[in-house]
Amino acid sequence: MTGPSVTADPGCLPVRGDLAHIRLAGLYFVPHYAVPMPRRILPGAVLRVMSRADAEPVRELPAGETFNVLDIAGSWAWGQLGEQGQVGYVALDALETEA
């Protein structure tokens, strides 16, 4: 990586201060890069700004679509809707392993 890293706009790219999607290696400097773990979104899943049930909702997620999980902590997953969608937290019980 050459030059300063770019600051990401929250909610637009799968980048946090400690972790980023592997496709962003070389563009954003973080301690860890993750390969996404695709999960199918179940009906009623909500994307949130933080990993709490009372956190501000970003949007309801479309059932049957893919949520790319980049990190799991407790009962929450952090990741991205599809390959280019919004980023945030989803309750793990609102996701299932894709077949």
PDB file of N, CA and C in Angstrom:
ATOM      1  N   MET A   1       0.853  -1.173   0.000  1.00  0.00           N
ATOM      2  CA  MET A   1       0.000   0.000   0.000  1.00  0.00           C
ATOM      3  C   MET A   1       0.895   1.231   0.000  1.00  0.00           C
ATOM      4  N   THR A   2       0.582   2.157  -0.854  1.00  0.00           N
ATOM      5  CA  THR A   2       1.365   3.385  -0.914  1.00  0.00           C
ATOM      6  C   THR A   2       0.458   4.569  -0.632  1.00  0.00           C
ATOM      7  N   GLY A   3       0.978   5.568   0.037  1.00  0.00           N
ATOM      8  CA  GLY A   3       0.207   6.751   0.361  1.00  0.00           C
ATOM      9  C   GLY A   3      -0.759   6.508   1.497  1.00  0.00           C
ATOM     10  N   PRO A   4      -1.484   7.553   1.892  1.00  0.00           N
ATOM     11  CA  PRO A   4      -2.428   7.418   3.014  1.00  0.00           C
ATOM     12  C   PRO A   4      -3.638   6.598   2.613  1.00  0.00           C
ATOM     13  N   SER A   5      -4.223   5.899   3.596  1.00  0.00           N
ATOM     14  CA  SER A   5      -5.448   5.149   3.308  1.00  0.00           C
ATOM     15  C   SER A   5      -6.615   6.125   3.212  1.00  0.00           C
ATOM     16  N   VAL A   6      -7.645   5.699   2.530  1.00  0.00           N
ATOM     17  CA  VAL A   6      -8.833   6.519   2.311  1.00  0.00           C
ATOM     18  C   VAL A   6      -9.823   6.253   3.433  1.00  0.00           C
ATOM     19  N   THR A   7     -10.529   7.279   3.883  1.00  0.00           N
ATOM     20  CA  THR A   7     -11.564   7.102   4.891  1.00  0.00           C
ATOM     21  C   THR A   7     -12.864   6.706   4.204  1.00  0.00           C
ATOM     22  N   ALA A   8     -13.475   5.613   4.681  1.00  0.00           N
ATOM     23  CA  ALA A   8     -14.712   5.114   4.073  1.00  0.00           C
ATOM     24  C   ALA A   8     -15.921   5.793   4.694  1.00  0.00           C
ATOM     25  N   ASP A   9     -16.933   6.034   3.876  1.00  0.00           N
ATOM     26  CA  ASP A   9     -18.200   6.570   4.344  1.00  0.00           C
ATOM     27  C   ASP A   9     -18.975   5.428   4.983  1.00  0.00           C
ATOM     28  N   PRO A  10     -19.360   5.521   6.260  1.00  0.00           N
ATOM     29  CA  PRO A  10     -20.062   4.422   6.912  1.00  0.00           C
ATOM     30  C   PRO A  10     -21.333   4.046   6.152  1.00  0.00           C
ATOM     31  N   GLY A  11     -21.563   2.748   6.015  1.00  0.00           N
ATOM     32  CA  GLY A  11     -22.748   2.273   5.330  1.00  0.00           C
ATOM     33  C   GLY A  11     -22.588   2.065   3.844  1.00  0.00           C
ATOM     34  N   CYS A  12     -21.481   2.529   3.277  1.00  0.00           N
ATOM     35  CA  CYS A  12     -21.283   2.415   1.838  1.00  0.00           C
ATOM     36  C   CYS A  12     -20.311   1.308   1.437  1.00  0.00           C
ATOM     37  N   LEU A  13     -19.309   1.077   2.247  1.00  0.00           N
ATOM     38  CA  LEU A  13     -18.299   0.064   1.949  1.00  0.00           C
ATOM     39  C   LEU A  13     -18.124  -0.865   3.145  1.00  0.00           C
ATOM     40  N   PRO A  14     -17.791  -2.138   2.897  1.00  0.00           N
ATOM     41  CA  PRO A  14     -17.567  -3.071   3.997  1.00  0.00           C
ATOM     42  C   PRO A  14     -16.205  -2.858   4.650  1.00  0.00           C
ATOM     43  N   VAL A  15     -16.102  -1.739   5.375  1.00  0.00           N
ATOM     44  CA  VAL A  15     -14.869  -1.351   6.063  1.00  0.00           C
ATOM     45  C   VAL A  15     -15.229  -0.823   7.444  1.00  0.00           C
ATOM     46  N   ARG A  16     -14.531  -1.336   8.468  1.00  0.00           N
ATOM     47  CA  ARG A  16     -14.601  -0.796   9.833  1.00  0.00           C
ATOM     48  C   ARG A  16     -13.172  -0.454  10.227  1.00  0.00           C
ATOM     49  N   GLY A  17     -12.996   0.105  11.402  1.00  0.00           N
ATOM     50  CA  GLY A  17     -11.650   0.440  11.857  1.00  0.00           C
ATOM     51  C   GLY A  17     -10.751  -0.765  12.048  1.00  0.00           C
ATOM     52  N   ASP A  18     -11.359  -1.941  12.274  1.00  0.00           N
ATOM     53  CA  ASP A  18     -10.580  -3.149  12.558  1.00  0.00           C
ATOM     54  C   ASP A  18     -10.660  -4.217  11.473  1.00  0.00           C
ATOM     55  N   LEU A  19     -11.529  -4.039  10.477  1.00  0.00           N
ATOM     56  CA  LEU A  19     -11.805  -5.119   9.538  1.00  0.00           C
ATOM     57  C   LEU A  19     -12.337  -4.563   8.221  1.00  0.00           C
ATOM     58  N   ALA A  20     -12.003  -5.262   7.127  1.00  0.00           N
ATOM     59  CA  ALA A  20     -12.534  -4.884   5.814  1.00  0.00           C
ATOM     60  C   ALA A  20     -12.687  -6.138   4.959  1.00  0.00           C
ATOM     61  N   HIS A  21     -13.542  -6.040   3.965  1.00  0.00           N
ATOM     62  CA  HIS A  21     -13.719  -7.096   2.963  1.00  0.00           C
ATOM     63  C   HIS A  21     -12.367  -7.302   2.283  1.00  0.00           C
ATOM     64  N   ILE A  22     -12.021  -8.544   1.974  1.00  0.00           N
ATOM     65  CA  ILE A  22     -10.736  -8.867   1.359  1.00  0.00           C
ATOM     66  C   ILE A  22     -10.529  -8.133   0.032  1.00  0.00           C
ATOM     67  N   ARG A  23     -11.603  -7.838  -0.693  1.00  0.00           N
ATOM     68  CA  ARG A  23     -11.442  -7.142  -1.981  1.00  0.00           C
ATOM     69  C   ARG A  23     -10.918  -5.719  -1.811  1.00  0.00           C
ATOM     70  N   LEU A  24     -10.948  -5.206  -0.568  1.00  0.00           N
ATOM     71  CA  LEU A  24     -10.478  -3.840  -0.323  1.00  0.00           C
ATOM     72  C   LEU A  24      -9.039  -3.782   0.180  1.00  0.00           C
ATOM     73  N   ALA A  25      -8.380  -4.941   0.272  1.00  0.00           N
ATOM     74  CA  ALA A  25      -6.971  -4.968   0.679  1.00  0.00           C
ATOM     75  C   ALA A  25      -6.158  -4.150  -0.317  1.00  0.00           C
ATOM     76  N   GLY A  26      -5.298  -3.322   0.180  1.00  0.00           N
ATOM     77  CA  GLY A  26      -4.496  -2.448  -0.673  1.00  0.00           C
ATOM     78  C   GLY A  26      -5.143  -1.084  -0.890  1.00  0.00           C
ATOM     79  N   LEU A  27      -6.420  -0.965  -0.593  1.00  0.00           N
ATOM     80  CA  LEU A  27      -7.119   0.312  -0.718  1.00  0.00           C
ATOM     81  C   LEU A  27      -7.381   0.954   0.638  1.00  0.00           C
ATOM     82  N   TYR A  28      -7.671   0.105   1.635  1.00  0.00           N
ATOM     83  CA  TYR A  28      -7.956   0.575   2.991  1.00  0.00           C
ATOM     84  C   TYR A  28      -7.043  -0.170   3.954  1.00  0.00           C
ATOM     85  N   PHE A  29      -6.411   0.561   4.851  1.00  0.00           N
ATOM     86  CA  PHE A  29      -5.508  -0.047   5.817  1.00  0.00           C
ATOM     87  C   PHE A  29      -6.262  -0.354   7.101  1.00  0.00           C
ATOM     88  N   VAL A  30      -6.419  -1.637   7.392  1.00  0.00           N
ATOM     89  CA  VAL A  30      -7.042  -2.123   8.621  1.00  0.00           C
ATOM     90  C   VAL A  30      -6.232  -3.324   9.099  1.00  0.00           C
ATOM     91  N   PRO A  31      -6.347  -3.692  10.377  1.00  0.00           N
ATOM     92  CA  PRO A  31      -5.567  -4.831  10.871  1.00  0.00           C
ATOM     93  C   PRO A  31      -5.941  -6.181  10.253  1.00  0.00           C
ATOM     94  N   HIS A  32      -7.208  -6.347   9.821  1.00  0.00           N
ATOM     95  CA  HIS A  32      -7.664  -7.638   9.310  1.00  0.00           C
ATOM     96  C   HIS A  32      -8.549  -7.467   8.082  1.00  0.00           C
ATOM     97  N   TYR A  33      -8.448  -8.434   7.176  1.00  0.00           N
ATOM     98  CA  TYR A  33      -9.310  -8.507   6.002  1.00  0.00           C
ATOM     99  C   TYR A  33     -10.040  -9.841   6.052  1.00  0.00           C
ATOM    100  N   ALA A  34     -11.311  -9.852   5.681  1.00  0.00           N
ATOM    101  CA  ALA A  34     -12.117 -11.065   5.783  1.00  0.00           C
ATOM    102  C   ALA A  34     -12.674 -11.476   4.430  1.00  0.00           C
ATOM    103  N   VAL A  35     -12.716 -12.792   4.226  1.00  0.00           N
ATOM    104  CA  VAL A  35     -13.394 -13.367   3.071  1.00  0.00           C
ATOM    105  C   VAL A  35     -14.859 -13.523   3.469  1.00  0.00           C
ATOM    106  N   PRO A  36     -15.788 -13.050   2.658  1.00  0.00           N
ATOM    107  CA  PRO A  36     -17.206 -13.115   3.047  1.00  0.00           C
ATOM    108  C   PRO A  36     -17.730 -14.543   3.154  1.00  0.00           C
ATOM    109  N   MET A  37     -18.654 -14.723   4.092  1.00  0.00           N
ATOM    110  CA  MET A  37     -19.362 -15.985   4.287  1.00  0.00           C
ATOM    111  C   MET A  37     -20.811 -15.722   3.881  1.00  0.00           C
ATOM    112  N   PRO A  38     -21.228 -16.133   2.682  1.00  0.00           N
ATOM    113  CA  PRO A  38     -22.589 -15.832   2.216  1.00  0.00           C
ATOM    114  C   PRO A  38     -23.651 -16.547   3.052  1.00  0.00           C
ATOM    115  N   ARG A  39     -24.689 -15.809   3.404  1.00  0.00           N
ATOM    116  CA  ARG A  39     -25.832 -16.354   4.141  1.00  0.00           C
ATOM    117  C   ARG A  39     -27.109 -15.872   3.467  1.00  0.00           C
ATOM    118  N   ARG A  40     -28.142 -16.706   3.513  1.00  0.00           N
ATOM    119  CA  ARG A  40     -29.447 -16.348   2.952  1.00  0.00           C
ATOM    120  C   ARG A  40     -30.229 -15.565   4.004  1.00  0.00           C
ATOM    121  N   ILE A  41     -30.863 -14.492   3.573  1.00  0.00           N
ATOM    122  CA  ILE A  41     -31.638 -13.629   4.469  1.00  0.00           C
ATOM    123  C   ILE A  41     -33.026 -14.225   4.659  1.00  0.00           C
ATOM    124  N   LEU A  42     -33.447 -14.349   5.915  1.00  0.00           N
ATOM    125  CA  LEU A  42     -34.774 -14.863   6.248  1.00  0.00           C
ATOM    126  C   LEU A  42     -35.781 -13.710   6.320  1.00  0.00           C
ATOM    127  N   PRO A  43     -37.067 -13.995   6.159  1.00  0.00           N
ATOM    128  CA  PRO A  43     -38.087 -12.934   6.240  1.00  0.00           C
ATOM    129  C   PRO A  43     -38.012 -12.184   7.581  1.00  0.00           C
ATOM    130  N   GLY A  44     -38.163 -10.877   7.515  1.00  0.00           N
ATOM    131  CA  GLY A  44     -38.169 -10.033   8.705  1.00  0.00           C
ATOM    132  C   GLY A  44     -36.806  -9.564   9.172  1.00  0.00           C
ATOM    133  N   ALA A  45     -35.742  -9.921   8.456  1.00  0.00           N
ATOM    134  CA  ALA A  45     -34.389  -9.501   8.841  1.00  0.00           C
ATOM    135  C   ALA A  45     -34.249  -7.988   8.695  1.00  0.00           C
ATOM    136  N   VAL A  46     -33.589  -7.376   9.682  1.00  0.00           N
ATOM    137  CA  VAL A  46     -33.387  -5.918   9.681  1.00  0.00           C
ATOM    138  C   VAL A  46     -31.899  -5.613   9.783  1.00  0.00           C
ATOM    139  N   LEU A  47     -31.414  -4.742   8.912  1.00  0.00           N
ATOM    140  CA  LEU A  47     -30.039  -4.251   8.966  1.00  0.00           C
ATOM    141  C   LEU A  47     -30.005  -3.096   9.948  1.00  0.00           C
ATOM    142  N   ARG A  48     -29.058  -3.126  10.888  1.00  0.00           N
ATOM    143  CA  ARG A  48     -28.965  -2.102  11.926  1.00  0.00           C
ATOM    144  C   ARG A  48     -27.586  -1.457  11.936  1.00  0.00           C
ATOM    145  N   VAL A  49     -27.504  -0.256  12.512  1.00  0.00           N
ATOM    146  CA  VAL A  49     -26.234   0.469  12.563  1.00  0.00           C
ATOM    147  C   VAL A  49     -25.296  -0.080  13.636  1.00  0.00           C
ATOM    148  N   MET A  50     -25.845  -0.759  14.637  1.00  0.00           N
ATOM    149  CA  MET A  50     -25.050  -1.353  15.711  1.00  0.00           C
ATOM    150  C   MET A  50     -25.600  -2.745  16.013  1.00  0.00           C
ATOM    151  N   SER A  51     -24.837  -3.520  16.755  1.00  0.00           N
ATOM    152  CA  SER A  51     -25.224  -4.895  17.067  1.00  0.00           C
ATOM    153  C   SER A  51     -26.068  -4.982  18.336  1.00  0.00           C
ATOM    154  N   ARG A  52     -27.225  -4.336  18.262  1.00  0.00           N
ATOM    155  CA  ARG A  52     -28.195  -4.363  19.375  1.00  0.00           C
ATOM    156  C   ARG A  52     -29.598  -4.327  18.784  1.00  0.00           C
ATOM    157  N   ALA A  53     -30.512  -5.036  19.434  1.00  0.00           N
ATOM    158  CA  ALA A  53     -31.895  -5.078  18.944  1.00  0.00           C
ATOM    159  C   ALA A  53     -32.564  -3.705  18.973  1.00  0.00           C
ATOM    160  N   ASP A  54     -32.115  -2.825  19.877  1.00  0.00           N
ATOM    161  CA  ASP A  54     -32.706  -1.491  19.953  1.00  0.00           C
ATOM    162  C   ASP A  54     -31.921  -0.441  19.157  1.00  0.00           C
ATOM    163  N   ALA A  55     -30.933  -0.890  18.374  1.00  0.00           N
ATOM    164  CA  ALA A  55     -30.147   0.039  17.548  1.00  0.00           C
ATOM    165  C   ALA A  55     -30.987   0.551  16.382  1.00  0.00           C
ATOM    166  N   GLU A  56     -30.615   1.702  15.875  1.00  0.00           N
ATOM    167  CA  GLU A  56     -31.328   2.311  14.755  1.00  0.00           C
ATOM    168  C   GLU A  56     -31.348   1.376  13.547  1.00  0.00           C
ATOM    169  N   PRO A  57     -32.532   1.114  12.996  1.00  0.00           N
ATOM    170  CA  PRO A  57     -32.595   0.273  11.794  1.00  0.00           C
ATOM    171  C   PRO A  57     -32.159   1.069  10.560  1.00  0.00           C
ATOM    172  N   VAL A  58     -31.454   0.406   9.671  1.00  0.00           N
ATOM    173  CA  VAL A  58     -31.073   1.007   8.396  1.00  0.00           C
ATOM    174  C   VAL A  58     -32.161   0.693   7.375  1.00  0.00           C
ATOM    175  N   ARG A  59     -32.567  -0.578   7.348  1.00  0.00           N
ATOM    176  CA  ARG A  59     -33.617  -1.014   6.423  1.00  0.00           C
ATOM    177  C   ARG A  59     -33.986  -2.455   6.708  1.00  0.00           C
ATOM    178  N   GLU A  60     -35.151  -2.862   6.226  1.00  0.00           N
ATOM    179  CA  GLU A  60     -35.513  -4.276   6.250  1.00  0.00           C
ATOM    180  C   GLU A  60     -34.833  -4.916   5.045  1.00  0.00           C
ATOM    181  N   LEU A  61     -34.285  -6.101   5.247  1.00  0.00           N
ATOM    182  CA  LEU A  61     -33.560  -6.774   4.172  1.00  0.00           C
ATOM    183  C   LEU A  61     -34.492  -7.673   3.371  1.00  0.00           C
ATOM    184  N   PRO A  62     -34.219  -7.825   2.072  1.00  0.00           N
ATOM    185  CA  PRO A  62     -35.075  -8.651   1.220  1.00  0.00           C
ATOM    186  C   PRO A  62     -34.858 -10.149   1.478  1.00  0.00           C
ATOM    187  N   ALA A  63     -35.915 -10.843   1.873  1.00  0.00           N
ATOM    188  CA  ALA A  63     -35.837 -12.278   2.142  1.00  0.00           C
ATOM    189  C   ALA A  63     -35.360 -13.024   0.896  1.00  0.00           C
ATOM    190  N   GLY A  64     -34.497 -14.008   1.126  1.00  0.00           N
ATOM    191  CA  GLY A  64     -33.987 -14.823   0.034  1.00  0.00           C
ATOM    192  C   GLY A  64     -32.730 -14.302  -0.614  1.00  0.00           C
ATOM    193  N   GLU A  65     -32.402 -13.035  -0.384  1.00  0.00           N
ATOM    194  CA  GLU A  65     -31.178 -12.454  -0.952  1.00  0.00           C
ATOM    195  C   GLU A  65     -29.973 -12.883  -0.115  1.00  0.00           C
ATOM    196  N   THR A  66     -28.779 -12.531  -0.575  1.00  0.00           N
ATOM    197  CA  THR A  66     -27.544 -12.898   0.106  1.00  0.00           C
ATOM    198  C   THR A  66     -27.026 -11.760   0.965  1.00  0.00           C
ATOM    199  N   PHE A  67     -26.649 -12.108   2.201  1.00  0.00           N
ATOM    200  CA  PHE A  67     -25.945 -11.190   3.086  1.00  0.00           C
ATOM    201  C   PHE A  67     -24.560 -11.768   3.286  1.00  0.00           C
ATOM    202  N   ASN A  68     -23.528 -11.015   2.917  1.00  0.00           N
ATOM    203  CA  ASN A  68     -22.148 -11.470   3.035  1.00  0.00           C
ATOM    204  C   ASN A  68     -21.598 -11.126   4.408  1.00  0.00           C
ATOM    205  N   VAL A  69     -21.512 -12.135   5.272  1.00  0.00           N
ATOM    206  CA  VAL A  69     -21.040 -11.958   6.645  1.00  0.00           C
ATOM    207  C   VAL A  69     -19.515 -11.840   6.645  1.00  0.00           C
ATOM    208  N   LEU A  70     -19.025 -10.794   7.299  1.00  0.00           N
ATOM    209  CA  LEU A  70     -17.586 -10.574   7.429  1.00  0.00           C
ATOM    210  C   LEU A  70     -17.097 -10.754   8.855  1.00  0.00           C
ATOM    211  N   ASP A  71     -18.009 -10.668   9.830  1.00  0.00           N
ATOM    212  CA  ASP A  71     -17.639 -10.822  11.230  1.00  0.00           C
ATOM    213  C   ASP A  71     -18.857 -11.284  12.020  1.00  0.00           C
ATOM    214  N   ILE A  72     -18.617 -12.156  12.999  1.00  0.00           N
ATOM    215  CA  ILE A  72     -19.675 -12.610  13.901  1.00  0.00           C
ATOM    216  C   ILE A  72     -19.214 -12.348  15.321  1.00  0.00           C
ATOM    217  N   ALA A  73     -20.071 -11.687  16.093  1.00  0.00           N
ATOM    218  CA  ALA A  73     -19.791 -11.422  17.510  1.00  0.00           C
ATOM    219  C   ALA A  73     -21.076 -11.663  18.286  1.00  0.00           C
ATOM    220  N   GLY A  74     -21.048 -12.669  19.159  1.00  0.00           N
ATOM    221  CA  GLY A  74     -22.253 -13.004  19.914  1.00  0.00           C
ATOM    222  C   GLY A  74     -23.345 -13.461  18.979  1.00  0.00           C
ATOM    223  N   SER A  75     -24.493 -12.829  19.049  1.00  0.00           N
ATOM    224  CA  SER A  75     -25.629 -13.218  18.210  1.00  0.00           C
ATOM    225  C   SER A  75     -25.827 -12.268  17.028  1.00  0.00           C
ATOM    226  N   TRP A  76     -24.760 -11.556  16.641  1.00  0.00           N
ATOM    227  CA  TRP A  76     -24.856 -10.582  15.554  1.00  0.00           C
ATOM    228  C   TRP A  76     -23.805 -10.841  14.485  1.00  0.00           C
ATOM    229  N   ALA A  77     -24.184 -10.551  13.235  1.00  0.00           N
ATOM    230  CA  ALA A  77     -23.270 -10.639  12.102  1.00  0.00           C
ATOM    231  C   ALA A  77     -23.100  -9.240  11.521  1.00  0.00           C
ATOM    232  N   TRP A  78     -21.871  -8.903  11.156  1.00  0.00           N
ATOM    233  CA  TRP A  78     -21.598  -7.644  10.463  1.00  0.00           C
ATOM    234  C   TRP A  78     -21.205  -8.000   9.038  1.00  0.00           C
ATOM    235  N   GLY A  79     -21.765  -7.285   8.081  1.00  0.00           N
ATOM    236  CA  GLY A  79     -21.428  -7.567   6.693  1.00  0.00           C
ATOM    237  C   GLY A  79     -22.169  -6.662   5.731  1.00  0.00           C
ATOM    238  N   GLN A  80     -22.381  -7.184   4.522  1.00  0.00           N
ATOM    239  CA  GLN A  80     -22.905  -6.385   3.423  1.00  0.00           C
ATOM    240  C   GLN A  80     -23.999  -7.132   2.680  1.00  0.00           C
ATOM    241  N   LEU A  81     -25.027  -6.413   2.304  1.00  0.00           N
ATOM    242  CA  LEU A  81     -26.092  -6.959   1.472  1.00  0.00           C
ATOM    243  C   LEU A  81     -25.525  -7.170   0.072  1.00  0.00           C
ATOM    244  N   GLY A  82     -25.444  -8.423  -0.355  1.00  0.00           N
ATOM    245  CA  GLY A  82     -24.890  -8.740  -1.672  1.00  0.00           C
ATOM    246  C   GLY A  82     -23.462  -8.274  -1.819  1.00  0.00           C
ATOM    247  N   GLU A  83     -23.101  -7.904  -3.029  1.00  0.00           N
ATOM    248  CA  GLU A  83     -21.726  -7.456  -3.309  1.00  0.00           C
ATOM    249  C   GLU A  83     -21.564  -5.942  -3.258  1.00  0.00           C
ATOM    250  N   GLN A  84     -22.638  -5.204  -3.429  1.00  0.00           N
ATOM    251  CA  GLN A  84     -22.529  -3.745  -3.500  1.00  0.00           C
ATOM    252  C   GLN A  84     -23.510  -3.027  -2.592  1.00  0.00           C
ATOM    253  N   GLY A  85     -24.281  -3.762  -1.778  1.00  0.00           N
ATOM    254  CA  GLY A  85     -25.339  -3.166  -0.969  1.00  0.00           C
ATOM    255  C   GLY A  85     -24.848  -2.523   0.313  1.00  0.00           C
ATOM    256  N   GLN A  86     -25.813  -2.182   1.149  1.00  0.00           N
ATOM    257  CA  GLN A  86     -25.532  -1.495   2.408  1.00  0.00           C
ATOM    258  C   GLN A  86     -24.843  -2.425   3.398  1.00  0.00           C
ATOM    259  N   VAL A  87     -24.126  -1.799   4.335  1.00  0.00           N
ATOM    260  CA  VAL A  87     -23.336  -2.502   5.333  1.00  0.00           C
ATOM    261  C   VAL A  87     -23.927  -2.239   6.710  1.00  0.00           C
ATOM    262  N   GLY A  88     -23.919  -3.266   7.559  1.00  0.00           N
ATOM    263  CA  GLY A  88     -24.400  -3.098   8.913  1.00  0.00           C
ATOM    264  C   GLY A  88     -24.481  -4.425   9.636  1.00  0.00           C
ATOM    265  N   TYR A  89     -25.274  -4.439  10.687  1.00  0.00           N
ATOM    266  CA  TYR A  89     -25.400  -5.603  11.562  1.00  0.00           C
ATOM    267  C   TYR A  89     -26.770  -6.251  11.398  1.00  0.00           C
ATOM    268  N   VAL A  90     -26.775  -7.596  11.426  1.00  0.00           N
ATOM    269  CA  VAL A  90     -27.999  -8.378  11.317  1.00  0.00           C
ATOM    270  C   VAL A  90     -27.946  -9.457  12.403  1.00  0.00           C
ATOM    271  N   ALA A  91     -29.084  -9.703  13.048  1.00  0.00           N
ATOM    272  CA  ALA A  91     -29.157 -10.786  14.030  1.00  0.00           C
ATOM    273  C   ALA A  91     -28.872 -12.108  13.315  1.00  0.00           C
ATOM    274  N   LEU A  92     -28.025 -12.941  13.920  1.00  0.00           N
ATOM    275  CA  LEU A  92     -27.665 -14.229  13.304  1.00  0.00           C
ATOM    276  C   LEU A  92     -28.864 -15.121  13.050  1.00  0.00           C
ATOM    277  N   ASP A  93     -29.872 -15.047  13.909  1.00  0.00           N
ATOM    278  CA  ASP A  93     -31.040 -15.906  13.712  1.00  0.00           C
ATOM    279  C   ASP A  93     -31.920 -15.447  12.546  1.00  0.00           C
ATOM    280  N   ALA A  94     -31.556 -14.352  11.880  1.00  0.00           N
ATOM    281  CA  ALA A  94     -32.273 -13.872  10.710  1.00  0.00           C
ATOM    282  C   ALA A  94     -31.545 -14.274   9.424  1.00  0.00           C
ATOM    283  N   LEU A  95     -30.505 -15.114   9.567  1.00  0.00           N
ATOM    284  CA  LEU A  95     -29.707 -15.575   8.436  1.00  0.00           C
ATOM    285  C   LEU A  95     -29.596 -17.090   8.486  1.00  0.00           C
ATOM    286  N   GLU A  96     -29.470 -17.712   7.302  1.00  0.00           N
ATOM    287  CA  GLU A  96     -29.215 -19.145   7.255  1.00  0.00           C
ATOM    288  C   GLU A  96     -28.122 -19.430   6.235  1.00  0.00           C
ATOM    289  N   THR A  97     -27.428 -20.548   6.439  1.00  0.00           N
ATOM    290  CA  THR A  97     -26.365 -20.946   5.513  1.00  0.00           C
ATOM    291  C   THR A  97     -26.967 -21.227   4.149  1.00  0.00           C
ATOM    292  N   GLU A  98     -26.320 -20.709   3.112  1.00  0.00           N
ATOM    293  CA  GLU A  98     -26.801 -20.961   1.761  1.00  0.00           C
ATOM    294  C   GLU A  98     -26.494 -22.389   1.361  1.00  0.00           C
ATOM    295  N   ALA A  99     -27.387 -22.997   0.602  1.00  0.00           N
ATOM    296  CA  ALA A  99     -27.203 -24.388   0.157  1.00  0.00           C
ATOM    297  C   ALA A  99     -26.175 -24.491  -0.937  1.00  0.00           C
TER     298      ALA A  99
END
